[in-house]
C-alpha cells in the first residue's frame, strides 16, 4: 500500500518539496509511517530473483572449483587415502574393549607407525597387531592408558624413539587418549561418514592439502626475532586399519625429498628451552622413568608382556639423539629400571642397512624387510618373558 510522509524544506533551502511523499511499493514501512502503533518484527524486503538459476550456478561453480583443486593435488602425486585422525585412532583403540584385549598392540611415535608394516608382521607371526602409535607424540600417555585398562591382557611392543620418549619434546597428538574416552556419538558418526564417502575418493581430503595449511606455508616474510619455521609436510600414506608407510614422493621426488630434509634440519636446529641443559634433561628423564616403570608394573601384574624397540635412525637425527640422549643414559637405564626386554637396532645386523630418506623413517620397501626381520625377534623376546613368568608362577 502507498504511504504518505509530510516533507519539509531542506535545511539549505535548495530543494523544493511537496507536502506528501508516496513511498514506493518495494520499500517496507517504517516506524515513522505508523506513529503510536506497536511495530511488527521487521521483515527484510527480498526482490524477486531467479533463485533456481542462482543455486544451479553456485553448485556448478563449487563443483568446478573442487574439481580443479582435486586435479591440482592428483597432478602433484597425491591419491585418495585414509586420514590419520583421532577418530581412526579411537576406532583401533576400541578394539581392545570390544573383544580383542588379548592382541599384540604397537605403541610409540612415527617410527613405529611408519616402519612396522602390519601385513608383514602378520605373515611372520600369524597375528595382525593393533596399531596405536602416534606421530610426533610420546608413547607415555598411551602406555599409561593401557596400564589402567584391565581389559588389555595381550602383548605390548613399544617404540622408544629418544626425542619423543626421553625428552618429551613432541606431543602434538597427546589429546587423542581423552578423545577416545569422551568421543561423542556425533563424532563417531562423522568419522564413519568420512571413511565411507570422502577419504577413499578425494585426494585433496588430506590435512596437508587443506587451503588454510597451503596458505600458511607460503613464502611469507619472516618476522623479526622469531626463528624460521617450515611446517612438516606430508610424509606417509595410511590404510584403513592404520597400517602406514612413507609416501613415495619422499623417496622418488628429488625436490620433495630435499624439502623434507630441509624441514627436519630446521626442526632439529630450533632451541628447546625445556631441555637445554644436562640438569633439565636428567630431571625429565627421572620423571619419565618413574612413570614408565609404574605403568609397566601394572601391565605385568595382570600378565601383559612388554618389549621395547629402538628403531633405526641416521644422519642429523641420530647425531642429535646420541648427543641429547646417550644410550647409557636412556636406553640402558630404561631396561634396567623396568626389567623389560629390549631390541635396539644397533645390536642386530638384520635391523641395519636400510634406506631412511629423511634420516628418521624407513622407505616403504625397506619397512617391509625391516618388519619381517623385527617381528620374529619380538616374538622370541615375548615367548622368553612368558616362559619366565610361568616358571616363576610354578615356583
Protein backbone atom coordinates (compact mmCIF):
# COMPACT_ATOMS: atom_id res chain seq x y z
CA UNK A 1 0.00 0.00 0.00
CA UNK A 2 1.10 3.55 -0.58
CA UNK A 3 2.25 5.64 2.35
CA UNK A 4 2.44 9.40 2.75
CA UNK A 5 5.04 11.31 4.64
CA UNK A 6 4.99 15.05 5.45
CA UNK A 7 8.01 16.76 3.97
CA UNK A 8 9.74 19.99 4.94
CA UNK A 9 12.01 22.36 3.13
CA UNK A 10 15.59 21.22 3.02
CA UNK A 11 17.82 22.91 5.57
CA UNK A 12 19.85 24.57 2.85
CA UNK A 13 16.69 25.82 1.14
CA UNK A 14 17.88 24.46 -2.16
CA UNK A 15 15.30 21.69 -2.75
CA UNK A 16 11.61 22.23 -3.35
CA UNK A 17 9.36 19.61 -1.73
CA UNK A 18 5.72 18.66 -1.69
CA UNK A 19 3.64 18.24 1.42
CA UNK A 20 3.35 14.48 0.95
CA UNK A 21 5.60 11.74 -0.39
CA UNK A 22 4.38 8.46 -1.80
CA UNK A 23 6.63 5.59 -0.69
CA UNK A 24 7.42 3.09 -3.48
CA UNK A 25 5.77 -0.30 -3.05
CA UNK A 26 9.05 -2.25 -2.77
CA UNK A 27 10.18 -0.24 0.29
CA UNK A 28 8.82 -1.54 3.60
CA UNK A 29 7.03 0.76 6.02
CA UNK A 30 8.98 2.22 8.91
CA UNK A 31 8.02 3.28 12.42
CA UNK A 32 7.53 6.86 11.23
CA UNK A 33 4.70 5.70 8.96
CA UNK A 34 2.66 4.41 11.92
CA UNK A 35 3.17 6.74 14.89
CA UNK A 36 1.77 5.36 18.13
CA UNK A 37 1.24 1.88 16.72
CA UNK A 38 3.13 -1.18 18.01
CA UNK A 39 5.62 -2.16 15.40
CA UNK A 40 5.78 -5.69 13.93
CA UNK A 41 9.01 -7.61 13.59
CA UNK A 42 10.80 -6.12 10.59
CA UNK A 43 10.92 -8.28 7.52
CA UNK A 44 13.71 -7.76 5.03
CA UNK A 45 12.42 -6.98 1.56
CA UNK A 46 13.78 -9.52 -0.92
CA UNK A 47 13.22 -8.59 -4.51
CA UNK A 48 12.18 -11.36 -6.91
CA UNK A 49 15.19 -13.28 -8.25
CA UNK A 50 15.74 -16.35 -10.45
CA UNK A 51 16.72 -18.46 -7.43
CA UNK A 52 16.82 -21.73 -9.33
CA UNK A 53 19.39 -20.40 -11.77
CA UNK A 54 21.39 -18.79 -8.95
CA UNK A 55 21.55 -22.06 -7.00
CA UNK A 56 22.47 -24.00 -10.11
CA UNK A 57 25.23 -21.51 -10.92
CA UNK A 58 26.58 -21.70 -7.34
CA UNK A 59 26.56 -25.52 -7.50
CA UNK A 60 28.40 -25.55 -10.83
CA UNK A 61 30.96 -23.07 -9.51
CA UNK A 62 31.52 -25.20 -6.41
CA UNK A 63 31.93 -28.39 -8.45
CA UNK A 64 34.29 -26.65 -10.85
CA UNK A 65 36.50 -25.29 -8.06
CA UNK A 66 36.52 -28.64 -6.23
CA UNK A 67 37.44 -30.47 -9.44
CA UNK A 68 40.28 -28.03 -10.08
CA UNK A 69 41.57 -28.45 -6.50
CA UNK A 70 41.40 -32.24 -6.81
CA UNK A 71 43.17 -32.17 -10.16
CA UNK A 72 45.88 -29.93 -8.69
CA UNK A 73 46.78 -32.47 -5.99
CA UNK A 74 46.42 -35.50 -8.24
CA UNK A 75 48.92 -33.87 -10.59
CA UNK A 76 51.19 -33.30 -7.58
CA UNK A 77 51.24 -37.04 -6.93
CA UNK A 78 48.58 -37.41 -4.23
CA UNK A 79 45.97 -40.16 -4.20
CA UNK A 80 42.93 -40.85 -2.04
CA UNK A 81 43.79 -42.39 1.31
CA UNK A 82 42.57 -42.71 4.87
CA UNK A 83 43.24 -39.89 7.31
CA UNK A 84 45.31 -40.37 10.44
CA UNK A 85 42.60 -38.75 12.53
CA UNK A 86 41.74 -39.02 16.21
CA UNK A 87 38.66 -40.97 15.11
CA UNK A 88 40.81 -43.51 13.25
CA UNK A 89 42.99 -44.00 16.33
CA UNK A 90 39.94 -44.32 18.58
CA UNK A 91 38.48 -46.94 16.23
CA UNK A 92 41.56 -49.13 16.67
CA UNK A 93 41.79 -48.43 20.41
CA UNK A 94 38.17 -49.52 20.78
CA UNK A 95 39.04 -52.99 19.53
CA UNK A 96 40.73 -53.70 22.87
CA UNK A 97 37.44 -53.07 24.68
CA UNK A 98 35.26 -54.95 22.22
CA UNK A 99 36.73 -58.43 22.43
CA UNK A 100 40.35 -58.10 21.25
CA UNK A 101 42.03 -57.29 24.55
CA UNK A 102 44.45 -60.21 24.20
CA UNK A 103 46.03 -58.94 20.95
CA UNK A 104 49.54 -57.62 20.34
CA UNK A 105 49.45 -53.81 20.47
CA UNK A 106 52.03 -51.45 18.96
CA UNK A 107 52.62 -48.04 20.54
CA UNK A 108 55.21 -45.33 20.02
CA UNK A 109 55.85 -42.43 17.70
CA UNK A 110 56.06 -42.18 13.92
CA UNK A 111 58.88 -44.73 13.62
CA UNK A 112 56.65 -47.47 14.97
CA UNK A 113 53.79 -46.16 12.82
CA UNK A 114 55.74 -45.85 9.54
CA UNK A 115 58.37 -48.57 9.92
CA UNK A 116 56.29 -51.53 11.11
CA UNK A 117 54.06 -52.96 8.38
CA UNK A 118 51.06 -54.91 9.66
CA UNK A 119 50.79 -57.33 6.68
CA UNK A 120 54.45 -58.32 7.05
CA UNK A 121 54.06 -58.76 10.80
CA UNK A 122 51.05 -60.99 10.21
CA UNK A 123 52.98 -63.07 7.67
CA UNK A 124 55.87 -63.51 10.12
CA UNK A 125 53.87 -64.26 13.28
CA UNK A 126 50.36 -65.25 12.19
CA UNK A 127 48.82 -62.27 14.01
CA UNK A 128 47.93 -58.79 12.74
CA UNK A 129 48.61 -56.39 15.64
CA UNK A 130 46.64 -53.31 16.66
CA UNK A 131 48.49 -50.15 15.59
CA UNK A 132 48.21 -47.38 18.21
CA UNK A 133 51.44 -45.46 17.51
CA UNK A 134 51.11 -41.69 17.00
CA UNK A 135 53.39 -39.44 15.00
CA UNK A 136 55.16 -36.64 16.86
CA UNK A 137 53.98 -37.87 20.25
CA UNK A 138 55.45 -39.63 23.26
CA UNK A 139 54.03 -43.13 23.84
CA UNK A 140 53.73 -42.41 27.57
CA UNK A 141 50.04 -41.28 27.59
CA UNK A 142 49.02 -44.38 25.61
CA UNK A 143 51.17 -46.63 27.82
CA UNK A 144 49.52 -45.29 30.97
CA UNK A 145 46.05 -45.56 29.43
CA UNK A 146 46.60 -49.23 28.57
CA UNK A 147 48.07 -49.86 32.01
CA UNK A 148 44.83 -48.58 33.56
CA UNK A 149 42.62 -50.70 31.28
CA UNK A 150 42.01 -54.15 32.83
CA UNK A 151 40.57 -55.38 29.52
CA UNK A 152 44.00 -55.23 27.89
CA UNK A 153 45.70 -58.56 28.64
CA UNK A 154 47.77 -59.14 25.49
CA UNK A 155 51.28 -58.15 24.48
CA UNK A 156 52.73 -54.65 24.13
CA UNK A 157 55.52 -53.57 21.77
CA UNK A 158 56.70 -50.02 22.46
CA UNK A 159 58.92 -47.82 20.30
CA UNK A 160 61.45 -45.79 22.30
CA UNK A 161 62.39 -43.00 19.87
CA UNK A 162 64.67 -40.92 22.15
CA UNK A 163 63.45 -37.40 21.33
CA UNK A 164 59.81 -38.39 21.82
CA UNK A 165 60.17 -40.64 24.85
CA UNK A 166 63.13 -39.33 26.85
CA UNK A 167 62.88 -35.60 26.08
CA UNK A 168 59.13 -35.25 25.75
CA UNK A 169 59.60 -32.64 23.02
CA UNK A 170 56.69 -33.72 20.85
CA UNK A 171 53.10 -34.02 21.99
CA UNK A 172 51.04 -32.93 19.03
CA UNK A 173 48.64 -35.90 19.33
CA UNK A 174 48.53 -36.11 23.12
CA UNK A 175 44.80 -35.25 23.16
CA UNK A 176 43.88 -38.49 21.41
CA UNK A 177 43.55 -40.54 24.61
CA UNK A 178 40.95 -38.24 26.22
CA UNK A 179 39.26 -38.02 22.81
CA UNK A 180 38.80 -41.81 22.81
CA UNK A 181 37.22 -41.84 26.26
CA UNK A 182 34.97 -38.82 25.57
CA UNK A 183 34.11 -39.42 21.90
CA UNK A 184 30.50 -38.46 21.28
CA UNK A 185 28.01 -40.30 19.02
CA UNK A 186 28.15 -37.41 16.55
CA UNK A 187 31.94 -37.65 16.38
CA UNK A 188 31.76 -41.39 15.77
CA UNK A 189 29.14 -40.98 13.06
CA UNK A 190 31.14 -38.15 11.48
CA UNK A 191 34.20 -40.39 11.37
CA UNK A 192 32.13 -43.17 9.77
CA UNK A 193 30.74 -40.84 7.11
CA UNK A 194 34.23 -39.52 6.36
CA UNK A 195 35.56 -43.07 5.96
CA UNK A 196 32.73 -44.09 3.66
CA UNK A 197 32.17 -41.07 1.44
CA UNK A 198 35.24 -38.79 1.47
CA UNK A 199 38.56 -40.41 2.33
CA UNK A 200 38.51 -43.24 -0.25
CA UNK A 201 37.55 -40.91 -3.10
CA UNK A 202 39.24 -37.50 -2.78
CA UNK A 203 42.99 -36.90 -2.86
CA UNK A 204 42.64 -33.33 -1.59
CA UNK A 205 40.95 -34.55 1.60
CA UNK A 206 44.27 -34.66 3.42
CA UNK A 207 45.33 -32.18 6.12
CA UNK A 208 48.48 -31.32 4.17
CA UNK A 209 46.39 -30.11 1.21
CA UNK A 210 43.82 -28.08 3.18
CA UNK A 211 43.60 -24.50 1.92
CA UNK A 212 44.49 -22.85 5.29
CA UNK A 213 47.57 -25.09 5.54
CA UNK A 214 48.61 -24.29 1.98
CA UNK A 215 48.20 -20.56 2.64
CA UNK A 216 50.16 -20.76 5.89
CA UNK A 217 53.18 -22.39 4.30
CA UNK A 218 53.60 -19.79 1.57
CA UNK A 219 56.87 -17.82 1.50
CA UNK A 220 55.69 -15.07 3.82
CA UNK A 221 58.31 -12.57 5.12
CA UNK A 222 60.00 -13.64 8.33
CA UNK A 223 59.02 -11.76 11.48
CA UNK A 224 62.00 -10.17 13.25
CA UNK A 225 63.13 -12.05 16.33
CA UNK A 226 61.26 -15.26 15.56
CA UNK A 227 63.08 -18.44 14.46
CA UNK A 228 62.33 -19.52 10.91
CA UNK A 229 59.93 -22.45 10.73
CA UNK A 230 58.65 -24.63 7.93
CA UNK A 231 55.63 -26.84 8.52
CA UNK A 232 56.31 -30.57 8.41
CA UNK A 233 54.98 -31.79 5.07
CA UNK A 234 53.07 -34.94 4.19
CA UNK A 235 55.28 -37.96 4.91
CA UNK A 236 53.04 -41.00 4.87
CA UNK A 237 50.07 -42.89 3.43
CA UNK A 238 47.65 -44.71 5.72
CA UNK A 239 45.34 -47.66 5.17
CA UNK A 240 42.02 -48.28 6.87
CA UNK A 241 43.43 -50.13 9.92
CA UNK A 242 46.24 -47.55 10.34
CA UNK A 243 48.86 -49.58 8.51
CA UNK A 244 51.10 -46.72 7.40
CA UNK A 245 54.10 -46.30 5.13
CA UNK A 246 56.27 -43.47 3.81
CA UNK A 247 54.82 -41.62 0.80
CA UNK A 248 56.61 -42.35 -2.47
CA UNK A 249 57.38 -38.65 -3.12
CA UNK A 250 59.64 -38.56 -0.06
CA UNK A 251 61.88 -41.00 -1.92
CA UNK A 252 61.18 -40.60 -5.64
CA UNK A 253 60.85 -36.82 -5.99
CA UNK A 254 64.26 -35.11 -5.55
CA UNK A 255 62.70 -31.70 -4.86
CA UNK A 256 60.27 -33.02 -2.29
CA UNK A 257 63.00 -35.20 -0.76
CA UNK A 258 65.20 -32.12 -0.32
CA UNK A 259 62.29 -30.17 1.18
CA UNK A 260 61.59 -32.88 3.76
CA UNK A 261 65.23 -32.95 4.80
CA UNK A 262 65.31 -29.16 4.99
CA UNK A 263 62.27 -29.20 7.29
CA UNK A 264 63.96 -31.68 9.62
CA UNK A 265 67.20 -29.66 9.68
CA UNK A 266 65.26 -26.57 10.74
CA UNK A 267 63.26 -28.53 13.32
CA UNK A 268 66.41 -30.01 14.81
CA UNK A 269 68.06 -26.59 14.99
CA UNK A 270 65.21 -24.94 16.92
CA UNK A 271 66.10 -24.10 20.54
CA UNK A 272 64.39 -26.25 23.19
CA UNK A 273 64.39 -24.30 26.48
CA UNK A 274 62.86 -27.18 28.45
CA UNK A 275 65.86 -29.46 27.82
CA UNK A 276 68.70 -27.06 27.04
CA UNK A 277 70.86 -28.15 29.98
CA UNK A 278 72.05 -31.51 31.25
CA UNK A 279 70.29 -30.94 34.57
CA UNK A 280 66.93 -30.33 32.88
CA UNK A 281 67.35 -33.45 30.76
CA UNK A 282 68.31 -35.50 33.81
CA UNK A 283 65.30 -34.33 35.80
CA UNK A 284 62.92 -35.01 32.92
CA UNK A 285 64.44 -38.44 32.35
CA UNK A 286 63.98 -39.42 36.01
CA UNK A 287 60.32 -38.35 35.97
CA UNK A 288 59.74 -40.30 32.79
CA UNK A 289 61.45 -43.46 34.04
CA UNK A 290 59.30 -43.43 37.17
CA UNK A 291 56.10 -43.15 35.13
CA UNK A 292 57.14 -45.83 32.63
CA UNK A 293 58.20 -48.20 35.42
CA UNK A 294 54.90 -47.73 37.24
CA UNK A 295 52.86 -48.37 34.08
CA UNK A 296 54.90 -51.44 33.13
CA UNK A 297 54.49 -52.85 36.64
CA UNK A 298 50.69 -52.55 36.32
CA UNK A 299 50.73 -54.30 32.97
CA UNK A 300 52.96 -57.15 34.04
CA UNK A 301 50.95 -57.67 37.23
CA UNK A 302 47.99 -58.79 35.13
CA UNK A 303 50.07 -60.86 32.71
CA UNK A 304 50.78 -58.40 29.89
CA UNK A 305 54.22 -58.94 28.33
CA UNK A 306 56.17 -55.89 27.17
CA UNK A 307 59.06 -55.44 24.72
CA UNK A 308 60.84 -52.16 23.95
CA UNK A 309 62.14 -51.46 20.45
CA UNK A 310 64.61 -48.78 19.36
CA UNK A 311 64.00 -48.31 15.59
CA UNK A 312 66.74 -47.11 13.21
CA UNK A 313 67.75 -43.50 12.63
CA UNK A 314 70.66 -41.90 10.78
CA UNK A 315 72.30 -38.61 9.81
CA UNK A 316 71.39 -35.46 11.77
CA UNK A 317 68.57 -37.25 13.61
CA UNK A 318 70.84 -39.91 15.05
CA UNK A 319 73.54 -37.33 15.82
CA UNK A 320 71.11 -35.26 17.90
CA UNK A 321 69.74 -38.34 19.65
CA UNK A 322 73.23 -39.52 20.55
CA UNK A 323 74.11 -36.06 21.86
CA UNK A 324 70.91 -35.35 23.81
CA UNK A 325 70.06 -38.87 24.97
CA UNK A 326 73.19 -41.07 25.04
CA UNK A 327 72.41 -44.75 25.00
CA UNK A 328 73.75 -45.41 28.50
CA UNK A 329 71.61 -42.59 29.93
CA UNK A 330 68.42 -43.53 28.14
CA UNK A 331 68.01 -46.97 26.60
CA UNK A 332 70.11 -48.88 29.11
CA UNK A 333 68.54 -47.11 32.07
CA UNK A 334 65.07 -47.87 30.71
CA UNK A 335 65.76 -51.61 30.51
CA UNK A 336 67.42 -51.60 33.93
CA UNK A 337 64.64 -49.72 35.74
CA UNK A 338 61.73 -51.63 34.17
CA UNK A 339 63.25 -55.11 33.78
CA UNK A 340 61.77 -55.25 30.26
CA UNK A 341 63.49 -56.93 27.32
CA UNK A 342 64.61 -54.63 24.51
CA UNK A 343 65.61 -54.74 20.85
CA UNK A 344 67.99 -51.95 19.78
CA UNK A 345 68.66 -51.74 16.05
CA UNK A 346 72.39 -51.28 16.68
CA UNK A 347 72.58 -54.73 18.29
CA UNK A 348 71.15 -56.73 15.36
CA UNK A 349 72.72 -56.82 11.88
CA UNK A 350 69.35 -57.72 10.34
CA UNK A 351 67.92 -54.39 11.61
CA UNK A 352 70.61 -52.29 9.95
CA UNK A 353 71.47 -51.13 6.44
CA UNK A 354 68.08 -49.76 5.46
CA UNK A 355 67.21 -46.61 3.49
CA UNK A 356 65.98 -43.71 5.65
CA UNK A 357 65.16 -40.93 3.16
CA UNK A 358 64.53 -38.37 5.90
CA UNK A 359 67.01 -39.88 8.43
CA UNK A 360 64.12 -40.88 10.71
CA UNK A 361 61.77 -43.22 8.82
CA UNK A 362 62.30 -46.20 6.55
CA UNK A 363 61.39 -46.18 2.88
CA UNK A 364 58.25 -48.24 2.23
CA UNK A 365 60.06 -51.20 0.65
CA UNK A 366 62.66 -51.26 3.42
CA UNK A 367 59.94 -51.03 6.08
CA UNK A 368 58.61 -54.37 4.81
CA UNK A 369 62.02 -56.00 5.08
CA UNK A 370 62.61 -54.41 8.49
CA UNK A 371 59.28 -55.71 9.81
CA UNK A 372 59.99 -59.20 8.53
CA UNK A 373 63.27 -59.12 10.48
CA UNK A 374 61.86 -57.44 13.61
CA UNK A 375 58.70 -59.50 14.16
CA UNK A 376 60.46 -62.82 14.90
CA UNK A 377 62.83 -61.06 17.31
CA UNK A 378 59.89 -59.58 19.20
CA UNK A 379 58.09 -62.92 19.22
CA UNK A 380 61.19 -64.58 20.67
CA UNK A 381 61.51 -61.95 23.42
CA UNK A 382 57.82 -62.25 24.30
CA UNK A 383 58.00 -66.05 24.41
CA UNK A 384 61.02 -65.85 26.71
CA UNK A 385 59.15 -63.47 29.03
CA UNK A 386 56.07 -65.65 29.07
CA UNK A 387 58.17 -68.71 29.79
CA UNK A 388 59.93 -66.91 32.63
CA UNK A 389 56.61 -65.79 34.08
CA UNK A 390 55.23 -69.34 34.00
CA UNK A 391 58.36 -70.66 35.71
CA UNK A 392 58.09 -68.01 38.41
CA UNK A 393 54.41 -68.83 38.98
CA UNK A 394 55.20 -72.56 39.22
CA UNK A 395 57.70 -71.91 42.00
